[in-house]
PDB file of all heavy atoms in Angstrom:
ATOM      1  N   ALA A   1      13.616  -7.625  11.436  1.00  0.00           N
ATOM      2  CA  ALA A   1      14.156  -7.219  10.130  1.00  0.00           C
ATOM      3  C   ALA A   1      13.020  -7.091   9.114  1.00  0.00           C
ATOM      4  O   ALA A   1      13.002  -6.169   8.285  1.00  0.00           O
ATOM      5  CB  ALA A   1      15.190  -8.226   9.659  1.00  0.00           C
ATOM      6  N   ARG A   2      12.073  -8.006   9.195  1.00  0.00           N
ATOM      7  CA  ARG A   2      10.925  -7.989   8.278  1.00  0.00           C
ATOM      8  C   ARG A   2      10.099  -6.714   8.490  1.00  0.00           C
ATOM      9  O   ARG A   2       9.691  -6.081   7.508  1.00  0.00           O
ATOM     10  CB  ARG A   2      10.069  -9.234   8.545  1.00  0.00           C
ATOM     11  CG  ARG A   2       8.898  -9.430   7.572  1.00  0.00           C
ATOM     12  CD  ARG A   2       8.133 -10.652   8.030  1.00  0.00           C
ATOM     13  NE  ARG A   2       7.007 -10.976   7.169  1.00  0.00           N
ATOM     14  CZ  ARG A   2       7.087 -11.713   6.063  1.00  0.00           C
ATOM     15  NH1 ARG A   2       8.261 -12.204   5.685  1.00  0.00           N
ATOM     16  NH2 ARG A   2       6.010 -11.991   5.330  1.00  0.00           N
ATOM     17  N   GLU A   3       9.875  -6.366   9.732  1.00  0.00           N
ATOM     18  CA  GLU A   3       9.096  -5.172  10.041  1.00  0.00           C
ATOM     19  C   GLU A   3       9.795  -3.885   9.558  1.00  0.00           C
ATOM     20  O   GLU A   3       9.149  -2.956   9.065  1.00  0.00           O
ATOM     21  CB  GLU A   3       8.845  -5.088  11.548  1.00  0.00           C
ATOM     22  CG  GLU A   3       7.877  -6.167  12.049  1.00  0.00           C
ATOM     23  CD  GLU A   3       7.713  -6.154  13.554  1.00  0.00           C
ATOM     24  OE1 GLU A   3       8.487  -5.438  14.213  1.00  0.00           O
ATOM     25  OE2 GLU A   3       6.804  -6.837  14.059  1.00  0.00           O
ATOM     26  N   VAL A   4      11.123  -3.863   9.690  1.00  0.00           N
ATOM     27  CA  VAL A   4      11.905  -2.714   9.225  1.00  0.00           C
ATOM     28  C   VAL A   4      11.789  -2.597   7.696  1.00  0.00           C
ATOM     29  O   VAL A   4      11.609  -1.494   7.164  1.00  0.00           O
ATOM     30  CB  VAL A   4      13.373  -2.815   9.635  1.00  0.00           C
ATOM     31  CG1 VAL A   4      14.212  -1.726   8.952  1.00  0.00           C
ATOM     32  CG2 VAL A   4      13.513  -2.688  11.137  1.00  0.00           C
ATOM     33  N   LEU A   5      11.896  -3.719   6.997  1.00  0.00           N
ATOM     34  CA  LEU A   5      11.779  -3.726   5.539  1.00  0.00           C
ATOM     35  C   LEU A   5      10.410  -3.236   5.084  1.00  0.00           C
ATOM     36  O   LEU A   5      10.294  -2.454   4.135  1.00  0.00           O
ATOM     37  CB  LEU A   5      12.048  -5.131   5.000  1.00  0.00           C
ATOM     38  CG  LEU A   5      13.501  -5.560   4.890  1.00  0.00           C
ATOM     39  CD1 LEU A   5      13.581  -7.052   4.604  1.00  0.00           C
ATOM     40  CD2 LEU A   5      14.202  -4.776   3.781  1.00  0.00           C
ATOM     41  N   ILE A   6       9.381  -3.685   5.775  1.00  0.00           N
ATOM     42  CA  ILE A   6       8.025  -3.266   5.441  1.00  0.00           C
ATOM     43  C   ILE A   6       7.869  -1.761   5.616  1.00  0.00           C
ATOM     44  O   ILE A   6       7.358  -1.052   4.759  1.00  0.00           O
ATOM     45  CB  ILE A   6       6.972  -4.022   6.284  1.00  0.00           C
ATOM     46  CG1 ILE A   6       6.962  -5.509   5.878  1.00  0.00           C
ATOM     47  CG2 ILE A   6       5.584  -3.415   6.081  1.00  0.00           C
ATOM     48  CD1 ILE A   6       6.114  -6.368   6.777  1.00  0.00           C
ATOM     49  N   GLU A   7       8.361  -1.268   6.756  1.00  0.00           N
ATOM     50  CA  GLU A   7       8.268   0.165   7.051  1.00  0.00           C
ATOM     51  C   GLU A   7       9.024   1.003   6.013  1.00  0.00           C
ATOM     52  O   GLU A   7       8.542   2.019   5.544  1.00  0.00           O
ATOM     53  CB  GLU A   7       8.825   0.453   8.437  1.00  0.00           C
ATOM     54  CG  GLU A   7       8.706   1.914   8.861  1.00  0.00           C
ATOM     55  CD  GLU A   7       9.240   2.146  10.273  1.00  0.00           C
ATOM     56  OE1 GLU A   7       9.570   1.165  10.959  1.00  0.00           O
ATOM     57  OE2 GLU A   7       9.326   3.319  10.667  1.00  0.00           O
ATOM     58  N   LYS A   8      10.208   0.532   5.631  1.00  0.00           N
ATOM     59  CA  LYS A   8      11.039   1.269   4.684  1.00  0.00           C
ATOM     60  C   LYS A   8      10.446   1.295   3.287  1.00  0.00           C
ATOM     61  O   LYS A   8      10.751   2.188   2.478  1.00  0.00           O
ATOM     62  CB  LYS A   8      12.449   0.643   4.620  1.00  0.00           C
ATOM     63  CG  LYS A   8      13.353   0.982   5.787  1.00  0.00           C
ATOM     64  CD  LYS A   8      14.722   0.328   5.623  1.00  0.00           C
ATOM     65  CE  LYS A   8      15.669   0.758   6.696  1.00  0.00           C
ATOM     66  NZ  LYS A   8      16.064   2.200   6.560  1.00  0.00           N
ATOM     67  N   ASN A   9       9.585   0.311   2.973  1.00  0.00           N
ATOM     68  CA  ASN A   9       9.023   0.216   1.607  1.00  0.00           C
ATOM     69  C   ASN A   9       7.552   0.560   1.520  1.00  0.00           C
ATOM     70  O   ASN A   9       6.932   0.347   0.459  1.00  0.00           O
ATOM     71  CB  ASN A   9       9.284  -1.190   1.077  1.00  0.00           C
ATOM     72  CG  ASN A   9      10.731  -1.441   0.739  1.00  0.00           C
ATOM     73  OD1 ASN A   9      11.217  -1.052  -0.343  1.00  0.00           O
ATOM     74  ND2 ASN A   9      11.455  -2.087   1.634  1.00  0.00           N
ATOM     75  N   MET A  10       6.969   1.060   2.592  1.00  0.00           N
ATOM     76  CA  MET A  10       5.556   1.430   2.548  1.00  0.00           C
ATOM     77  C   MET A  10       5.287   2.562   1.581  1.00  0.00           C
ATOM     78  O   MET A  10       4.208   2.683   1.002  1.00  0.00           O
ATOM     79  CB  MET A  10       5.043   1.780   3.940  1.00  0.00           C
ATOM     80  CG  MET A  10       4.712   0.578   4.804  1.00  0.00           C
ATOM     81  SD  MET A  10       3.607  -0.620   3.995  1.00  0.00           S
ATOM     82  CE  MET A  10       2.104   0.359   3.818  1.00  0.00           C
ATOM     83  N   GLY A  11       6.307   3.427   1.360  1.00  0.00           N
ATOM     84  CA  GLY A  11       6.149   4.482   0.382  1.00  0.00           C
ATOM     85  C   GLY A  11       5.893   3.934  -1.013  1.00  0.00           C
ATOM     86  O   GLY A  11       5.095   4.455  -1.781  1.00  0.00           O
ATOM     87  N   LEU A  12       6.586   2.824  -1.336  1.00  0.00           N
ATOM     88  CA  LEU A  12       6.398   2.170  -2.624  1.00  0.00           C
ATOM     89  C   LEU A  12       4.998   1.583  -2.719  1.00  0.00           C
ATOM     90  O   LEU A  12       4.337   1.692  -3.769  1.00  0.00           O
ATOM     91  CB  LEU A  12       7.448   1.051  -2.771  1.00  0.00           C
ATOM     92  CG  LEU A  12       7.385   0.233  -4.063  1.00  0.00           C
ATOM     93  CD1 LEU A  12       7.627   1.127  -5.285  1.00  0.00           C
ATOM     94  CD2 LEU A  12       8.423  -0.890  -4.018  1.00  0.00           C
ATOM     95  N   VAL A  13       4.514   0.974  -1.637  1.00  0.00           N
ATOM     96  CA  VAL A  13       3.156   0.430  -1.613  1.00  0.00           C
ATOM     97  C   VAL A  13       2.141   1.541  -1.846  1.00  0.00           C
ATOM     98  O   VAL A  13       1.198   1.395  -2.637  1.00  0.00           O
ATOM     99  CB  VAL A  13       2.870  -0.291  -0.288  1.00  0.00           C
ATOM    100  CG1 VAL A  13       1.416  -0.798  -0.257  1.00  0.00           C
ATOM    101  CG2 VAL A  13       3.837  -1.469  -0.102  1.00  0.00           C
ATOM    102  N   HIS A  14       2.296   2.664  -1.136  1.00  0.00           N
ATOM    103  CA  HIS A  14       1.382   3.808  -1.322  1.00  0.00           C
ATOM    104  C   HIS A  14       1.397   4.255  -2.778  1.00  0.00           C
ATOM    105  O   HIS A  14       0.331   4.575  -3.336  1.00  0.00           O
ATOM    106  CB  HIS A  14       1.819   4.958  -0.413  1.00  0.00           C
ATOM    107  CG  HIS A  14       1.298   4.870   0.980  1.00  0.00           C
ATOM    108  ND1 HIS A  14       0.094   5.425   1.365  1.00  0.00           N
ATOM    109  CD2 HIS A  14       1.827   4.287   2.093  1.00  0.00           C
ATOM    110  CE1 HIS A  14      -0.096   5.178   2.642  1.00  0.00           C
ATOM    111  NE2 HIS A  14       0.927   4.493   3.123  1.00  0.00           N
ATOM    112  N   HIS A  15       2.585   4.351  -3.345  1.00  0.00           N
ATOM    113  CA  HIS A  15       2.719   4.817  -4.746  1.00  0.00           C
ATOM    114  C   HIS A  15       1.925   3.912  -5.702  1.00  0.00           C
ATOM    115  O   HIS A  15       1.245   4.399  -6.601  1.00  0.00           O
ATOM    116  CB  HIS A  15       4.206   4.797  -5.123  1.00  0.00           C
ATOM    117  CG  HIS A  15       4.461   5.216  -6.540  1.00  0.00           C
ATOM    118  ND1 HIS A  15       4.376   6.534  -6.972  1.00  0.00           N
ATOM    119  CD2 HIS A  15       4.793   4.497  -7.641  1.00  0.00           C
ATOM    120  CE1 HIS A  15       4.639   6.608  -8.258  1.00  0.00           C
ATOM    121  NE2 HIS A  15       4.894   5.368  -8.692  1.00  0.00           N
ATOM    122  N   ILE A  16       2.009   2.608  -5.512  1.00  0.00           N
ATOM    123  CA  ILE A  16       1.313   1.663  -6.385  1.00  0.00           C
ATOM    124  C   ILE A  16      -0.170   1.693  -6.122  1.00  0.00           C
ATOM    125  O   ILE A  16      -0.980   1.647  -7.057  1.00  0.00           O
ATOM    126  CB  ILE A  16       1.894   0.240  -6.195  1.00  0.00           C
ATOM    127  CG1 ILE A  16       3.347   0.212  -6.655  1.00  0.00           C
ATOM    128  CG2 ILE A  16       1.067  -0.789  -6.967  1.00  0.00           C
ATOM    129  CD1 ILE A  16       4.062  -1.065  -6.307  1.00  0.00           C
ATOM    130  N   VAL A  17      -0.569   1.759  -4.867  1.00  0.00           N
ATOM    131  CA  VAL A  17      -1.987   1.754  -4.516  1.00  0.00           C
ATOM    132  C   VAL A  17      -2.722   2.909  -5.170  1.00  0.00           C
ATOM    133  O   VAL A  17      -3.881   2.772  -5.575  1.00  0.00           O
ATOM    134  CB  VAL A  17      -2.155   1.819  -2.961  1.00  0.00           C
ATOM    135  CG1 VAL A  17      -3.558   2.251  -2.586  1.00  0.00           C
ATOM    136  CG2 VAL A  17      -1.846   0.445  -2.363  1.00  0.00           C
ATOM    137  N   ARG A  18      -2.055   4.057  -5.284  1.00  0.00           N
ATOM    138  CA  ARG A  18      -2.726   5.218  -5.917  1.00  0.00           C
ATOM    139  C   ARG A  18      -3.169   4.927  -7.323  1.00  0.00           C
ATOM    140  O   ARG A  18      -4.106   5.560  -7.837  1.00  0.00           O
ATOM    141  CB  ARG A  18      -1.782   6.418  -5.867  1.00  0.00           C
ATOM    142  CG  ARG A  18      -1.661   7.075  -4.520  1.00  0.00           C
ATOM    143  CD  ARG A  18      -1.062   8.483  -4.614  1.00  0.00           C
ATOM    144  NE  ARG A  18       0.342   8.435  -4.972  1.00  0.00           N
ATOM    145  CZ  ARG A  18       1.341   8.371  -4.130  1.00  0.00           C
ATOM    146  NH1 ARG A  18       1.101   8.316  -2.813  1.00  0.00           N
ATOM    147  NH2 ARG A  18       2.600   8.338  -4.542  1.00  0.00           N
ATOM    148  N   ARG A  19      -2.510   3.954  -7.981  1.00  0.00           N
ATOM    149  CA  ARG A  19      -2.894   3.584  -9.349  1.00  0.00           C
ATOM    150  C   ARG A  19      -4.279   2.898  -9.369  1.00  0.00           C
ATOM    151  O   ARG A  19      -4.910   2.818 -10.414  1.00  0.00           O
ATOM    152  CB  ARG A  19      -1.872   2.613  -9.930  1.00  0.00           C
ATOM    153  CG  ARG A  19      -0.464   3.186 -10.034  1.00  0.00           C
ATOM    154  CD  ARG A  19      -0.367   4.111 -11.212  1.00  0.00           C
ATOM    155  NE  ARG A  19       0.994   4.512 -11.470  1.00  0.00           N
ATOM    156  CZ  ARG A  19       1.366   5.317 -12.457  1.00  0.00           C
ATOM    157  NH1 ARG A  19       0.428   5.791 -13.260  1.00  0.00           N
ATOM    158  NH2 ARG A  19       2.598   5.665 -12.624  1.00  0.00           N
ATOM    159  N   PHE A  20      -4.704   2.390  -8.233  1.00  0.00           N
ATOM    160  CA  PHE A  20      -5.929   1.587  -8.179  1.00  0.00           C
ATOM    161  C   PHE A  20      -7.076   2.286  -7.425  1.00  0.00           C
ATOM    162  O   PHE A  20      -8.106   1.659  -7.200  1.00  0.00           O
ATOM    163  CB  PHE A  20      -5.630   0.218  -7.535  1.00  0.00           C
ATOM    164  CG  PHE A  20      -4.644  -0.613  -8.285  1.00  0.00           C
ATOM    165  CD1 PHE A  20      -3.303  -0.549  -7.995  1.00  0.00           C
ATOM    166  CD2 PHE A  20      -5.061  -1.423  -9.328  1.00  0.00           C
ATOM    167  CE1 PHE A  20      -2.367  -1.310  -8.688  1.00  0.00           C
ATOM    168  CE2 PHE A  20      -4.141  -2.198 -10.040  1.00  0.00           C
ATOM    169  CZ  PHE A  20      -2.788  -2.128  -9.722  1.00  0.00           C
ATOM    170  N   ILE A  21      -6.881   3.527  -7.066  1.00  0.00           N
ATOM    171  CA  ILE A  21      -7.930   4.281  -6.359  1.00  0.00           C
ATOM    172  C   ILE A  21      -9.103   4.493  -7.312  1.00  0.00           C
ATOM    173  O   ILE A  21      -8.939   4.707  -8.504  1.00  0.00           O
ATOM    174  CB  ILE A  21      -7.385   5.639  -5.877  1.00  0.00           C
ATOM    175  CG1 ILE A  21      -6.292   5.420  -4.813  1.00  0.00           C
ATOM    176  CG2 ILE A  21      -8.510   6.493  -5.307  1.00  0.00           C
ATOM    177  CD1 ILE A  21      -6.764   4.695  -3.579  1.00  0.00           C
ATOM    178  N   GLY A  22     -10.313   4.458  -6.787  1.00  0.00           N
ATOM    179  CA  GLY A  22     -11.502   4.699  -7.581  1.00  0.00           C
ATOM    180  C   GLY A  22     -12.112   3.442  -8.165  1.00  0.00           C
ATOM    181  O   GLY A  22     -12.924   3.529  -9.080  1.00  0.00           O
ATOM    182  N   ARG A  23     -11.731   2.283  -7.616  1.00  0.00           N
ATOM    183  CA  ARG A  23     -12.290   1.022  -8.138  1.00  0.00           C
ATOM    184  C   ARG A  23     -13.209   0.361  -7.130  1.00  0.00           C
ATOM    185  O   ARG A  23     -13.385  -0.849  -7.145  1.00  0.00           O
ATOM    186  CB  ARG A  23     -11.161   0.095  -8.564  1.00  0.00           C
ATOM    187  CG  ARG A  23     -10.262   0.705  -9.620  1.00  0.00           C
ATOM    188  CD  ARG A  23      -9.387  -0.301 -10.280  1.00  0.00           C
ATOM    189  NE  ARG A  23      -8.473   0.301 -11.216  1.00  0.00           N
ATOM    190  CZ  ARG A  23      -7.708  -0.345 -12.071  1.00  0.00           C
ATOM    191  NH1 ARG A  23      -7.776  -1.676 -12.079  1.00  0.00           N
ATOM    192  NH2 ARG A  23      -6.891   0.260 -12.879  1.00  0.00           N
ATOM    193  N   GLY A  24     -13.753   1.181  -6.225  1.00  0.00           N
ATOM    194  CA  GLY A  24     -14.756   0.637  -5.301  1.00  0.00           C
ATOM    195  C   GLY A  24     -14.190   0.104  -3.998  1.00  0.00           C
ATOM    196  O   GLY A  24     -14.940  -0.507  -3.222  1.00  0.00           O
ATOM    197  N   CYS A  25     -12.883   0.288  -3.742  1.00  0.00           N
ATOM    198  CA  CYS A  25     -12.294  -0.219  -2.502  1.00  0.00           C
ATOM    199  C   CYS A  25     -11.633   0.939  -1.734  1.00  0.00           C
ATOM    200  O   CYS A  25     -11.114   1.866  -2.336  1.00  0.00           O
ATOM    201  CB  CYS A  25     -11.257  -1.295  -2.823  1.00  0.00           C
ATOM    202  SG  CYS A  25     -11.934  -2.814  -3.470  1.00  0.00           S
ATOM    203  N   GLU A  26     -11.705   0.828  -0.408  1.00  0.00           N
ATOM    204  CA  GLU A  26     -11.080   1.829   0.433  1.00  0.00           C
ATOM    205  C   GLU A  26      -9.552   1.717   0.312  1.00  0.00           C
ATOM    206  O   GLU A  26      -8.990   0.635   0.116  1.00  0.00           O
ATOM    207  CB  GLU A  26     -11.470   1.615   1.894  1.00  0.00           C
ATOM    208  CG  GLU A  26     -12.965   1.814   2.175  1.00  0.00           C
ATOM    209  CD  GLU A  26     -13.396   3.249   1.998  1.00  0.00           C
ATOM    210  OE1 GLU A  26     -12.540   4.161   2.178  1.00  0.00           O
ATOM    211  OE2 GLU A  26     -14.564   3.470   1.640  1.00  0.00           O
ATOM    212  N   MET A  27      -8.894   2.865   0.469  1.00  0.00           N
ATOM    213  CA  MET A  27      -7.432   2.907   0.338  1.00  0.00           C
ATOM    214  C   MET A  27      -6.778   2.034   1.404  1.00  0.00           C
ATOM    215  O   MET A  27      -5.767   1.353   1.123  1.00  0.00           O
ATOM    216  CB  MET A  27      -6.922   4.332   0.441  1.00  0.00           C
ATOM    217  CG  MET A  27      -5.420   4.437   0.181  1.00  0.00           C
ATOM    218  SD  MET A  27      -4.896   6.174  -0.004  1.00  0.00           S
ATOM    219  CE  MET A  27      -3.155   5.939  -0.394  1.00  0.00           C
ATOM    220  N   ASP A  28      -7.340   2.027   2.609  1.00  0.00           N
ATOM    221  CA  ASP A  28      -6.754   1.208   3.675  1.00  0.00           C
ATOM    222  C   ASP A  28      -6.771  -0.272   3.314  1.00  0.00           C
ATOM    223  O   ASP A  28      -5.794  -0.985   3.612  1.00  0.00           O
ATOM    224  CB  ASP A  28      -7.515   1.410   4.996  1.00  0.00           C
ATOM    225  CG  ASP A  28      -7.224   2.765   5.625  1.00  0.00           C
ATOM    226  OD1 ASP A  28      -6.234   3.409   5.208  1.00  0.00           O
ATOM    227  OD2 ASP A  28      -7.979   3.181   6.531  1.00  0.00           O
ATOM    228  N   ASP A  29      -7.842  -0.715   2.671  1.00  0.00           N
ATOM    229  CA  ASP A  29      -7.909  -2.109   2.227  1.00  0.00           C
ATOM    230  C   ASP A  29      -6.856  -2.417   1.176  1.00  0.00           C
ATOM    231  O   ASP A  29      -6.200  -3.453   1.223  1.00  0.00           O
ATOM    232  CB  ASP A  29      -9.303  -2.428   1.679  1.00  0.00           C
ATOM    233  CG  ASP A  29     -10.393  -2.361   2.743  1.00  0.00           C
ATOM    234  OD1 ASP A  29     -10.058  -2.611   3.920  1.00  0.00           O
ATOM    235  OD2 ASP A  29     -11.538  -2.089   2.397  1.00  0.00           O
ATOM    236  N   LEU A  30      -6.708  -1.479   0.232  1.00  0.00           N
ATOM    237  CA  LEU A  30      -5.699  -1.683  -0.815  1.00  0.00           C
ATOM    238  C   LEU A  30      -4.303  -1.685  -0.241  1.00  0.00           C
ATOM    239  O   LEU A  30      -3.424  -2.432  -0.715  1.00  0.00           O
ATOM    240  CB  LEU A  30      -5.839  -0.595  -1.890  1.00  0.00           C
ATOM    241  CG  LEU A  30      -7.164  -0.590  -2.678  1.00  0.00           C
ATOM    242  CD1 LEU A  30      -7.152   0.572  -3.681  1.00  0.00           C
ATOM    243  CD2 LEU A  30      -7.347  -1.901  -3.434  1.00  0.00           C
ATOM    244  N   LEU A  31      -4.079  -0.837   0.752  1.00  0.00           N
ATOM    245  CA  LEU A  31      -2.762  -0.792   1.407  1.00  0.00           C
ATOM    246  C   LEU A  31      -2.449  -2.126   2.113  1.00  0.00           C
ATOM    247  O   LEU A  31      -1.308  -2.611   2.053  1.00  0.00           O
ATOM    248  CB  LEU A  31      -2.687   0.356   2.412  1.00  0.00           C
ATOM    249  CG  LEU A  31      -2.559   1.758   1.822  1.00  0.00           C
ATOM    250  CD1 LEU A  31      -2.722   2.802   2.915  1.00  0.00           C
ATOM    251  CD2 LEU A  31      -1.216   1.908   1.131  1.00  0.00           C
ATOM    252  N   GLN A  32      -3.446  -2.690   2.731  1.00  0.00           N
ATOM    253  CA  GLN A  32      -3.234  -3.995   3.376  1.00  0.00           C
ATOM    254  C   GLN A  32      -2.888  -5.081   2.350  1.00  0.00           C
ATOM    255  O   GLN A  32      -1.985  -5.884   2.566  1.00  0.00           O
ATOM    256  CB  GLN A  32      -4.490  -4.387   4.166  1.00  0.00           C
ATOM    257  CG  GLN A  32      -4.735  -3.540   5.395  1.00  0.00           C
ATOM    258  CD  GLN A  32      -5.982  -3.981   6.170  1.00  0.00           C
ATOM    259  OE1 GLN A  32      -6.468  -5.101   5.968  1.00  0.00           O
ATOM    260  NE2 GLN A  32      -6.495  -3.120   7.013  1.00  0.00           N
ATOM    261  N   ILE A  33      -3.612  -5.093   1.247  1.00  0.00           N
ATOM    262  CA  ILE A  33      -3.352  -6.070   0.200  1.00  0.00           C
ATOM    263  C   ILE A  33      -1.988  -5.830  -0.427  1.00  0.00           C
ATOM    264  O   ILE A  33      -1.218  -6.777  -0.681  1.00  0.00           O
ATOM    265  CB  ILE A  33      -4.443  -6.016  -0.890  1.00  0.00           C
ATOM    266  CG1 ILE A  33      -5.834  -6.286  -0.289  1.00  0.00           C
ATOM    267  CG2 ILE A  33      -4.137  -7.016  -1.995  1.00  0.00           C
ATOM    268  CD1 ILE A  33      -5.939  -7.629   0.396  1.00  0.00           C
ATOM    269  N   GLY A  34      -1.665  -4.556  -0.673  1.00  0.00           N
ATOM    270  CA  GLY A  34      -0.357  -4.221  -1.234  1.00  0.00           C
ATOM    271  C   GLY A  34       0.769  -4.631  -0.334  1.00  0.00           C
ATOM    272  O   GLY A  34       1.825  -5.077  -0.782  1.00  0.00           O
TER     273      GLY A  34
END
């Protein structure tokens, strides 16, 4: 159930991560933290 929830909400994580692009960190790293 946890994995399904994460998968269903990864779009939200991507959306928020885009706010922090350009601060010296790779997007993949930010996605993991998000």
